[in-house]
Amino acid sequence: MNIKINAVKFALAETLEDFIIDKVSKLDKFIPDNLGAEVTLKVDKPESENNKIVDIMLLVRGENLFASKQGDSFEKCIQDCIDALKAQIDKHRKGK
């Protein structure tokens, strides 16, 4: 799977990049017509709580699936997005 990662206004740590690739690439087994994914990470107001934002767009033939989560850590937001995308994938597959 082709995964494009965009960190807005900060340098992405290699460990976080590896975490994203590991988690997002596992979605491949749920949806075979997956064309790739775009992951965007942002920090909203660095001094506040729940300031990490993750957007994941899964590029699928026919339609794109999207999840966006905000929280205290990128890892938690990524996992929450993956869970939301799995639910969307189930709906997408049942709709075919």
PDB file of N, CA and C in Angstrom:
ATOM      1  N   MET A   1       0.844  -1.177   0.000  1.00  0.00           N
ATOM      2  CA  MET A   1       0.000   0.000   0.000  1.00  0.00           C
ATOM      3  C   MET A   1       0.887   1.238   0.000  1.00  0.00           C
ATOM      4  N   ASN A   2       0.508   2.217  -0.787  1.00  0.00           N
ATOM      5  CA  ASN A   2       1.213   3.478  -0.840  1.00  0.00           C
ATOM      6  C   ASN A   2       0.654   4.398   0.251  1.00  0.00           C
ATOM      7  N   ILE A   3       1.502   4.770   1.206  1.00  0.00           N
ATOM      8  CA  ILE A   3       1.068   5.610   2.324  1.00  0.00           C
ATOM      9  C   ILE A   3       1.839   6.925   2.284  1.00  0.00           C
ATOM     10  N   LYS A   4       1.103   8.016   2.144  1.00  0.00           N
ATOM     11  CA  LYS A   4       1.704   9.349   2.138  1.00  0.00           C
ATOM     12  C   LYS A   4       1.459   9.970   3.508  1.00  0.00           C
ATOM     13  N   ILE A   5       2.533  10.395   4.174  1.00  0.00           N
ATOM     14  CA  ILE A   5       2.428  10.980   5.516  1.00  0.00           C
ATOM     15  C   ILE A   5       2.844  12.443   5.453  1.00  0.00           C
ATOM     16  N   ASN A   6       1.996  13.309   6.003  1.00  0.00           N
ATOM     17  CA  ASN A   6       2.267  14.733   6.009  1.00  0.00           C
ATOM     18  C   ASN A   6       2.180  15.253   7.445  1.00  0.00           C
ATOM     19  N   ALA A   7       3.305  15.704   7.979  1.00  0.00           N
ATOM     20  CA  ALA A   7       3.338  16.316   9.311  1.00  0.00           C
ATOM     21  C   ALA A   7       3.348  17.833   9.112  1.00  0.00           C
ATOM     22  N   VAL A   8       2.296  18.494   9.590  1.00  0.00           N
ATOM     23  CA  VAL A   8       2.138  19.927   9.376  1.00  0.00           C
ATOM     24  C   VAL A   8       2.916  20.715  10.430  1.00  0.00           C
ATOM     25  N   LYS A   9       3.922  21.438   9.986  1.00  0.00           N
ATOM     26  CA  LYS A   9       4.726  22.361  10.802  1.00  0.00           C
ATOM     27  C   LYS A   9       5.502  21.698  11.937  1.00  0.00           C
ATOM     28  N   PHE A  10       5.885  20.426  11.759  1.00  0.00           N
ATOM     29  CA  PHE A  10       6.798  19.790  12.706  1.00  0.00           C
ATOM     30  C   PHE A  10       7.491  18.622  12.010  1.00  0.00           C
ATOM     31  N   ALA A  11       8.629  18.228  12.571  1.00  0.00           N
ATOM     32  CA  ALA A  11       9.393  17.110  12.006  1.00  0.00           C
ATOM     33  C   ALA A  11       8.845  15.801  12.559  1.00  0.00           C
ATOM     34  N   LEU A  12       8.601  14.866  11.675  1.00  0.00           N
ATOM     35  CA  LEU A  12       8.045  13.575  12.045  1.00  0.00           C
ATOM     36  C   LEU A  12       9.153  12.647  12.542  1.00  0.00           C
ATOM     37  N   ALA A  13       8.991  12.121  13.734  1.00  0.00           N
ATOM     38  CA  ALA A  13       9.967  11.175  14.290  1.00  0.00           C
ATOM     39  C   ALA A  13       9.859   9.851  13.536  1.00  0.00           C
ATOM     40  N   GLU A  14      10.983   9.195  13.354  1.00  0.00           N
ATOM     41  CA  GLU A  14      11.013   7.935  12.617  1.00  0.00           C
ATOM     42  C   GLU A  14      10.158   6.865  13.293  1.00  0.00           C
ATOM     43  N   THR A  15      10.149   6.850  14.624  1.00  0.00           N
ATOM     44  CA  THR A  15       9.340   5.849  15.339  1.00  0.00           C
ATOM     45  C   THR A  15       7.846   6.056  15.085  1.00  0.00           C
ATOM     46  N   LEU A  16       7.415   7.319  15.014  1.00  0.00           N
ATOM     47  CA  LEU A  16       6.010   7.611  14.729  1.00  0.00           C
ATOM     48  C   LEU A  16       5.678   7.235  13.280  1.00  0.00           C
ATOM     49  N   GLU A  17       6.590   7.506  12.380  1.00  0.00           N
ATOM     50  CA  GLU A  17       6.394   7.136  10.975  1.00  0.00           C
ATOM     51  C   GLU A  17       6.254   5.616  10.836  1.00  0.00           C
ATOM     52  N   ASP A  18       7.107   4.872  11.519  1.00  0.00           N
ATOM     53  CA  ASP A  18       7.030   3.402  11.491  1.00  0.00           C
ATOM     54  C   ASP A  18       5.706   2.908  12.072  1.00  0.00           C
ATOM     55  N   PHE A  19       5.256   3.553  13.147  1.00  0.00           N
ATOM     56  CA  PHE A  19       3.988   3.195  13.784  1.00  0.00           C
ATOM     57  C   PHE A  19       2.828   3.394  12.799  1.00  0.00           C
ATOM     58  N   ILE A  20       2.831   4.532  12.108  1.00  0.00           N
ATOM     59  CA  ILE A  20       1.780   4.835  11.139  1.00  0.00           C
ATOM     60  C   ILE A  20       1.766   3.802  10.014  1.00  0.00           C
ATOM     61  N   ILE A  21       2.925   3.535   9.454  1.00  0.00           N
ATOM     62  CA  ILE A  21       3.028   2.577   8.354  1.00  0.00           C
ATOM     63  C   ILE A  21       2.544   1.200   8.794  1.00  0.00           C
ATOM     64  N   ASP A  22       2.930   0.780   9.995  1.00  0.00           N
ATOM     65  CA  ASP A  22       2.524  -0.521  10.511  1.00  0.00           C
ATOM     66  C   ASP A  22       1.003  -0.607  10.649  1.00  0.00           C
ATOM     67  N   LYS A  23       0.405   0.392  11.275  1.00  0.00           N
ATOM     68  CA  LYS A  23      -1.038   0.368  11.536  1.00  0.00           C
ATOM     69  C   LYS A  23      -1.861   0.516  10.258  1.00  0.00           C
ATOM     70  N   VAL A  24      -1.512   1.477   9.424  1.00  0.00           N
ATOM     71  CA  VAL A  24      -2.309   1.754   8.226  1.00  0.00           C
ATOM     72  C   VAL A  24      -2.178   0.622   7.206  1.00  0.00           C
ATOM     73  N   SER A  25      -1.005   0.045   7.073  1.00  0.00           N
ATOM     74  CA  SER A  25      -0.820  -1.021   6.085  1.00  0.00           C
ATOM     75  C   SER A  25      -1.633  -2.268   6.421  1.00  0.00           C
ATOM     76  N   LYS A  26      -1.994  -2.449   7.679  1.00  0.00           N
ATOM     77  CA  LYS A  26      -2.816  -3.597   8.073  1.00  0.00           C
ATOM     78  C   LYS A  26      -4.238  -3.501   7.531  1.00  0.00           C
ATOM     79  N   LEU A  27      -4.668  -2.306   7.122  1.00  0.00           N
ATOM     80  CA  LEU A  27      -6.004  -2.147   6.545  1.00  0.00           C
ATOM     81  C   LEU A  27      -6.112  -2.840   5.188  1.00  0.00           C
ATOM     82  N   ASP A  28      -4.968  -3.109   4.561  1.00  0.00           N
ATOM     83  CA  ASP A  28      -4.936  -3.783   3.258  1.00  0.00           C
ATOM     84  C   ASP A  28      -5.693  -5.106   3.268  1.00  0.00           C
ATOM     85  N   LYS A  29      -5.590  -5.847   4.362  1.00  0.00           N
ATOM     86  CA  LYS A  29      -6.226  -7.166   4.410  1.00  0.00           C
ATOM     87  C   LYS A  29      -7.745  -7.063   4.511  1.00  0.00           C
ATOM     88  N   PHE A  30      -8.273  -5.895   4.906  1.00  0.00           N
ATOM     89  CA  PHE A  30      -9.715  -5.720   5.032  1.00  0.00           C
ATOM     90  C   PHE A  30     -10.371  -5.254   3.736  1.00  0.00           C
ATOM     91  N   ILE A  31      -9.584  -4.587   2.886  1.00  0.00           N
ATOM     92  CA  ILE A  31     -10.162  -4.031   1.664  1.00  0.00           C
ATOM     93  C   ILE A  31      -9.158  -4.164   0.514  1.00  0.00           C
ATOM     94  N   PRO A  32      -9.381  -5.129  -0.371  1.00  0.00           N
ATOM     95  CA  PRO A  32      -8.403  -5.418  -1.425  1.00  0.00           C
ATOM     96  C   PRO A  32      -8.307  -4.345  -2.513  1.00  0.00           C
ATOM     97  N   ASP A  33      -9.379  -3.550  -2.716  1.00  0.00           N
ATOM     98  CA  ASP A  33      -9.311  -2.526  -3.763  1.00  0.00           C
ATOM     99  C   ASP A  33      -8.804  -1.188  -3.235  1.00  0.00           C
ATOM    100  N   ASN A  34      -7.991  -1.263  -2.199  1.00  0.00           N
ATOM    101  CA  ASN A  34      -7.368  -0.097  -1.575  1.00  0.00           C
ATOM    102  C   ASN A  34      -6.244   0.418  -2.479  1.00  0.00           C
ATOM    103  N   LEU A  35      -6.274   1.694  -2.801  1.00  0.00           N
ATOM    104  CA  LEU A  35      -5.259   2.292  -3.670  1.00  0.00           C
ATOM    105  C   LEU A  35      -4.149   2.998  -2.897  1.00  0.00           C
ATOM    106  N   GLY A  36      -4.362   3.232  -1.610  1.00  0.00           N
ATOM    107  CA  GLY A  36      -3.360   3.917  -0.805  1.00  0.00           C
ATOM    108  C   GLY A  36      -4.014   4.697   0.319  1.00  0.00           C
ATOM    109  N   ALA A  37      -3.185   5.447   1.034  1.00  0.00           N
ATOM    110  CA  ALA A  37      -3.685   6.231   2.164  1.00  0.00           C
ATOM    111  C   ALA A  37      -2.897   7.525   2.283  1.00  0.00           C
ATOM    112  N   GLU A  38      -3.587   8.557   2.751  1.00  0.00           N
ATOM    113  CA  GLU A  38      -2.954   9.832   3.052  1.00  0.00           C
ATOM    114  C   GLU A  38      -3.188  10.128   4.530  1.00  0.00           C
ATOM    115  N   VAL A  39      -2.095  10.333   5.267  1.00  0.00           N
ATOM    116  CA  VAL A  39      -2.165  10.585   6.703  1.00  0.00           C
ATOM    117  C   VAL A  39      -1.626  11.991   6.968  1.00  0.00           C
ATOM    118  N   THR A  40      -2.408  12.803   7.666  1.00  0.00           N
ATOM    119  CA  THR A  40      -1.985  14.152   8.022  1.00  0.00           C
ATOM    120  C   THR A  40      -1.994  14.282   9.540  1.00  0.00           C
ATOM    121  N   LEU A  41      -0.873  14.781  10.077  1.00  0.00           N
ATOM    122  CA  LEU A  41      -0.739  14.994  11.510  1.00  0.00           C
ATOM    123  C   LEU A  41      -0.553  16.483  11.772  1.00  0.00           C
ATOM    124  N   LYS A  42      -1.296  17.012  12.752  1.00  0.00           N
ATOM    125  CA  LYS A  42      -1.213  18.433  13.100  1.00  0.00           C
ATOM    126  C   LYS A  42      -1.193  18.591  14.613  1.00  0.00           C
ATOM    127  N   VAL A  43      -0.614  19.695  15.058  1.00  0.00           N
ATOM    128  CA  VAL A  43      -0.675  20.060  16.471  1.00  0.00           C
ATOM    129  C   VAL A  43      -1.445  21.377  16.541  1.00  0.00           C
ATOM    130  N   ASP A  44      -2.570  21.348  17.281  1.00  0.00           N
ATOM    131  CA  ASP A  44      -3.418  22.515  17.428  1.00  0.00           C
ATOM    132  C   ASP A  44      -3.163  23.125  18.805  1.00  0.00           C
ATOM    133  N   LYS A  45      -2.688  24.346  18.852  1.00  0.00           N
ATOM    134  CA  LYS A  45      -2.401  25.033  20.115  1.00  0.00           C
ATOM    135  C   LYS A  45      -1.524  24.170  21.028  1.00  0.00           C
ATOM    136  N   PRO A  46      -0.221  24.178  20.807  1.00  0.00           N
ATOM    137  CA  PRO A  46       0.696  23.290  21.537  1.00  0.00           C
ATOM    138  C   PRO A  46       0.591  23.343  23.059  1.00  0.00           C
ATOM    139  N   GLU A  47       0.128  24.443  23.617  1.00  0.00           N
ATOM    140  CA  GLU A  47       0.062  24.574  25.077  1.00  0.00           C
ATOM    141  C   GLU A  47      -1.193  23.938  25.672  1.00  0.00           C
ATOM    142  N   SER A  48      -2.130  23.505  24.845  1.00  0.00           N
ATOM    143  CA  SER A  48      -3.386  22.971  25.365  1.00  0.00           C
ATOM    144  C   SER A  48      -3.409  21.436  25.367  1.00  0.00           C
ATOM    145  N   GLU A  49      -4.409  20.882  26.076  1.00  0.00           N
ATOM    146  CA  GLU A  49      -4.595  19.430  26.094  1.00  0.00           C
ATOM    147  C   GLU A  49      -5.345  18.999  24.838  1.00  0.00           C
ATOM    148  N   ASN A  50      -5.306  17.709  24.540  1.00  0.00           N
ATOM    149  CA  ASN A  50      -5.982  17.161  23.358  1.00  0.00           C
ATOM    150  C   ASN A  50      -5.665  17.953  22.096  1.00  0.00           C
ATOM    151  N   ASN A  51      -4.370  18.238  21.913  1.00  0.00           N
ATOM    152  CA  ASN A  51      -3.963  19.108  20.815  1.00  0.00           C
ATOM    153  C   ASN A  51      -3.417  18.374  19.589  1.00  0.00           C
ATOM    154  N   LYS A  52      -3.429  17.060  19.598  1.00  0.00           N
ATOM    155  CA  LYS A  52      -2.935  16.290  18.459  1.00  0.00           C
ATOM    156  C   LYS A  52      -4.119  15.923  17.564  1.00  0.00           C
ATOM    157  N   ILE A  53      -3.971  16.162  16.260  1.00  0.00           N
ATOM    158  CA  ILE A  53      -5.033  15.863  15.301  1.00  0.00           C
ATOM    159  C   ILE A  53      -4.464  14.959  14.208  1.00  0.00           C
ATOM    160  N   VAL A  54      -5.190  13.885  13.928  1.00  0.00           N
ATOM    161  CA  VAL A  54      -4.792  12.946  12.871  1.00  0.00           C
ATOM    162  C   VAL A  54      -5.960  12.791  11.905  1.00  0.00           C
ATOM    163  N   ASP A  55      -5.668  12.968  10.607  1.00  0.00           N
ATOM    164  CA  ASP A  55      -6.632  12.722   9.543  1.00  0.00           C
ATOM    165  C   ASP A  55      -6.085  11.594   8.681  1.00  0.00           C
ATOM    166  N   ILE A  56      -6.911  10.596   8.408  1.00  0.00           N
ATOM    167  CA  ILE A  56      -6.498   9.515   7.514  1.00  0.00           C
ATOM    168  C   ILE A  56      -7.552   9.373   6.423  1.00  0.00           C
ATOM    169  N   MET A  57      -7.101   9.483   5.177  1.00  0.00           N
ATOM    170  CA  MET A  57      -7.969   9.243   4.035  1.00  0.00           C
ATOM    171  C   MET A  57      -7.501   7.970   3.358  1.00  0.00           C
ATOM    172  N   LEU A  58      -8.402   7.009   3.256  1.00  0.00           N
ATOM    173  CA  LEU A  58      -8.121   5.736   2.614  1.00  0.00           C
ATOM    174  C   LEU A  58      -8.676   5.823   1.198  1.00  0.00           C
ATOM    175  N   LEU A  59      -7.780   5.698   0.226  1.00  0.00           N
ATOM    176  CA  LEU A  59      -8.182   5.828  -1.169  1.00  0.00           C
ATOM    177  C   LEU A  59      -8.648   4.468  -1.669  1.00  0.00           C
ATOM    178  N   VAL A  60      -9.946   4.367  -1.898  1.00  0.00           N
ATOM    179  CA  VAL A  60     -10.575   3.099  -2.278  1.00  0.00           C
ATOM    180  C   VAL A  60     -11.281   3.301  -3.613  1.00  0.00           C
ATOM    181  N   ARG A  61     -11.248   2.267  -4.468  1.00  0.00           N
ATOM    182  CA  ARG A  61     -11.967   2.357  -5.733  1.00  0.00           C
ATOM    183  C   ARG A  61     -13.442   2.617  -5.472  1.00  0.00           C
ATOM    184  N   GLY A  62     -13.967   3.642  -6.103  1.00  0.00           N
ATOM    185  CA  GLY A  62     -15.381   3.953  -5.941  1.00  0.00           C
ATOM    186  C   GLY A  62     -15.647   5.105  -4.980  1.00  0.00           C
ATOM    187  N   GLU A  63     -14.938   5.142  -3.871  1.00  0.00           N
ATOM    188  CA  GLU A  63     -15.089   6.242  -2.911  1.00  0.00           C
ATOM    189  C   GLU A  63     -13.904   6.246  -1.948  1.00  0.00           C
ATOM    190  N   ASN A  64     -13.673   7.394  -1.345  1.00  0.00           N
ATOM    191  CA  ASN A  64     -12.606   7.501  -0.354  1.00  0.00           C
ATOM    192  C   ASN A  64     -13.223   7.441   1.039  1.00  0.00           C
ATOM    193  N   LEU A  65     -12.529   6.766   1.949  1.00  0.00           N
ATOM    194  CA  LEU A  65     -12.971   6.674   3.334  1.00  0.00           C
ATOM    195  C   LEU A  65     -12.111   7.616   4.165  1.00  0.00           C
ATOM    196  N   PHE A  66     -12.719   8.301   5.129  1.00  0.00           N
ATOM    197  CA  PHE A  66     -12.002   9.336   5.879  1.00  0.00           C
ATOM    198  C   PHE A  66     -12.325   9.243   7.360  1.00  0.00           C
ATOM    199  N   ALA A  67     -11.277   9.432   8.178  1.00  0.00           N
ATOM    200  CA  ALA A  67     -11.453   9.501   9.631  1.00  0.00           C
ATOM    201  C   ALA A  67     -10.537  10.593  10.173  1.00  0.00           C
ATOM    202  N   SER A  68     -11.036  11.319  11.150  1.00  0.00           N
ATOM    203  CA  SER A  68     -10.270  12.376  11.795  1.00  0.00           C
ATOM    204  C   SER A  68     -10.494  12.269  13.298  1.00  0.00           C
ATOM    205  N   LYS A  69      -9.411  12.278  14.057  1.00  0.00           N
ATOM    206  CA  LYS A  69      -9.509  12.173  15.518  1.00  0.00           C
ATOM    207  C   LYS A  69      -8.572  13.178  16.168  1.00  0.00           C
ATOM    208  N   GLN A  70      -8.945  13.624  17.369  1.00  0.00           N
ATOM    209  CA  GLN A  70      -8.147  14.564  18.144  1.00  0.00           C
ATOM    210  C   GLN A  70      -7.965  13.998  19.540  1.00  0.00           C
ATOM    211  N   GLY A  71      -6.744  14.137  20.095  1.00  0.00           N
ATOM    212  CA  GLY A  71      -6.479  13.619  21.430  1.00  0.00           C
ATOM    213  C   GLY A  71      -5.141  14.060  21.966  1.00  0.00           C
ATOM    214  N   ASP A  72      -4.692  13.369  23.029  1.00  0.00           N
ATOM    215  CA  ASP A  72      -3.437  13.724  23.701  1.00  0.00           C
ATOM    216  C   ASP A  72      -2.192  13.175  23.016  1.00  0.00           C
ATOM    217  N   SER A  73      -2.339  12.067  22.262  1.00  0.00           N
ATOM    218  CA  SER A  73      -1.161  11.494  21.610  1.00  0.00           C
ATOM    219  C   SER A  73      -1.488  11.094  20.183  1.00  0.00           C
ATOM    220  N   PHE A  74      -0.495  11.198  19.320  1.00  0.00           N
ATOM    221  CA  PHE A  74      -0.690  10.805  17.929  1.00  0.00           C
ATOM    222  C   PHE A  74      -1.017   9.316  17.827  1.00  0.00           C
ATOM    223  N   GLU A  75      -0.357   8.508  18.639  1.00  0.00           N
ATOM    224  CA  GLU A  75      -0.574   7.057  18.579  1.00  0.00           C
ATOM    225  C   GLU A  75      -2.033   6.701  18.879  1.00  0.00           C
ATOM    226  N   LYS A  76      -2.598   7.313  19.904  1.00  0.00           N
ATOM    227  CA  LYS A  76      -3.993   7.057  20.260  1.00  0.00           C
ATOM    228  C   LYS A  76      -4.934   7.528  19.154  1.00  0.00           C
ATOM    229  N   CYS A  77      -4.663   8.703  18.603  1.00  0.00           N
ATOM    230  CA  CYS A  77      -5.489   9.231  17.515  1.00  0.00           C
ATOM    231  C   CYS A  77      -5.417   8.336  16.285  1.00  0.00           C
ATOM    232  N   ILE A  78      -4.222   7.837  15.978  1.00  0.00           N
ATOM    233  CA  ILE A  78      -4.055   6.944  14.827  1.00  0.00           C
ATOM    234  C   ILE A  78      -4.862   5.674  15.034  1.00  0.00           C
ATOM    235  N   GLN A  79      -4.763   5.084  16.222  1.00  0.00           N
ATOM    236  CA  GLN A  79      -5.511   3.857  16.495  1.00  0.00           C
ATOM    237  C   GLN A  79      -7.018   4.105  16.423  1.00  0.00           C
ATOM    238  N   ASP A  80      -7.477   5.254  16.935  1.00  0.00           N
ATOM    239  CA  ASP A  80      -8.899   5.594  16.875  1.00  0.00           C
ATOM    240  C   ASP A  80      -9.360   5.758  15.415  1.00  0.00           C
ATOM    241  N   CYS A  81      -8.514   6.372  14.588  1.00  0.00           N
ATOM    242  CA  CYS A  81      -8.828   6.521  13.163  1.00  0.00           C
ATOM    243  C   CYS A  81      -8.907   5.154  12.479  1.00  0.00           C
ATOM    244  N   ILE A  82      -7.974   4.271  12.805  1.00  0.00           N
ATOM    245  CA  ILE A  82      -7.962   2.925  12.220  1.00  0.00           C
ATOM    246  C   ILE A  82      -9.253   2.200  12.584  1.00  0.00           C
ATOM    247  N   ASP A  83      -9.674   2.298  13.837  1.00  0.00           N
ATOM    248  CA  ASP A  83     -10.915   1.656  14.276  1.00  0.00           C
ATOM    249  C   ASP A  83     -12.122   2.221  13.515  1.00  0.00           C
ATOM    250  N   ALA A  84     -12.151   3.542  13.342  1.00  0.00           N
ATOM    251  CA  ALA A  84     -13.247   4.178  12.610  1.00  0.00           C
ATOM    252  C   ALA A  84     -13.241   3.746  11.141  1.00  0.00           C
ATOM    253  N   LEU A  85     -12.053   3.628  10.561  1.00  0.00           N
ATOM    254  CA  LEU A  85     -11.954   3.204   9.165  1.00  0.00           C
ATOM    255  C   LEU A  85     -12.378   1.747   8.986  1.00  0.00           C
ATOM    256  N   LYS A  86     -12.081   0.898   9.959  1.00  0.00           N
ATOM    257  CA  LYS A  86     -12.516  -0.498   9.881  1.00  0.00           C
ATOM    258  C   LYS A  86     -14.040  -0.576   9.827  1.00  0.00           C
ATOM    259  N   ALA A  87     -14.718   0.254  10.618  1.00  0.00           N
ATOM    260  CA  ALA A  87     -16.179   0.281  10.601  1.00  0.00           C
ATOM    261  C   ALA A  87     -16.680   0.771   9.239  1.00  0.00           C
ATOM    262  N   GLN A  88     -16.024   1.773   8.676  1.00  0.00           N
ATOM    263  CA  GLN A  88     -16.412   2.279   7.364  1.00  0.00           C
ATOM    264  C   GLN A  88     -16.160   1.236   6.273  1.00  0.00           C
ATOM    265  N   ILE A  89     -15.075   0.494   6.404  1.00  0.00           N
ATOM    266  CA  ILE A  89     -14.756  -0.556   5.436  1.00  0.00           C
ATOM    267  C   ILE A  89     -15.849  -1.623   5.452  1.00  0.00           C
ATOM    268  N   ASP A  90     -16.313  -1.999   6.652  1.00  0.00           N
ATOM    269  CA  ASP A  90     -17.401  -2.977   6.760  1.00  0.00           C
ATOM    270  C   ASP A  90     -18.644  -2.485   6.016  1.00  0.00           C
ATOM    271  N   LYS A  91     -18.993  -1.217   6.218  1.00  0.00           N
ATOM    272  CA  LYS A  91     -20.161  -0.646   5.526  1.00  0.00           C
ATOM    273  C   LYS A  91     -19.924  -0.621   4.017  1.00  0.00           C
ATOM    274  N   HIS A  92     -18.708  -0.256   3.612  1.00  0.00           N
ATOM    275  CA  HIS A  92     -18.356  -0.175   2.193  1.00  0.00           C
ATOM    276  C   HIS A  92     -18.481  -1.544   1.534  1.00  0.00           C
ATOM    277  N   ARG A  93     -17.992  -2.579   2.210  1.00  0.00           N
ATOM    278  CA  ARG A  93     -18.036  -3.938   1.645  1.00  0.00           C
ATOM    279  C   ARG A  93     -19.472  -4.464   1.585  1.00  0.00           C
ATOM    280  N   LYS A  94     -20.286  -4.134   2.574  1.00  0.00           N
ATOM    281  CA  LYS A  94     -21.673  -4.590   2.596  1.00  0.00           C
ATOM    282  C   LYS A  94     -22.512  -3.878   1.540  1.00  0.00           C
ATOM    283  N   GLY A  95     -22.078  -2.654   1.182  1.00  0.00           N
ATOM    284  CA  GLY A  95     -22.792  -1.878   0.178  1.00  0.00           C
ATOM    285  C   GLY A  95     -22.564  -2.335  -1.246  1.00  0.00           C
ATOM    286  N   LYS A  96     -21.584  -3.200  -1.450  1.00  0.00           N
ATOM    287  CA  LYS A  96     -21.272  -3.676  -2.816  1.00  0.00           C
ATOM    288  C   LYS A  96     -22.224  -4.754  -3.241  1.00  0.00           C
TER     289      LYS A  96
END
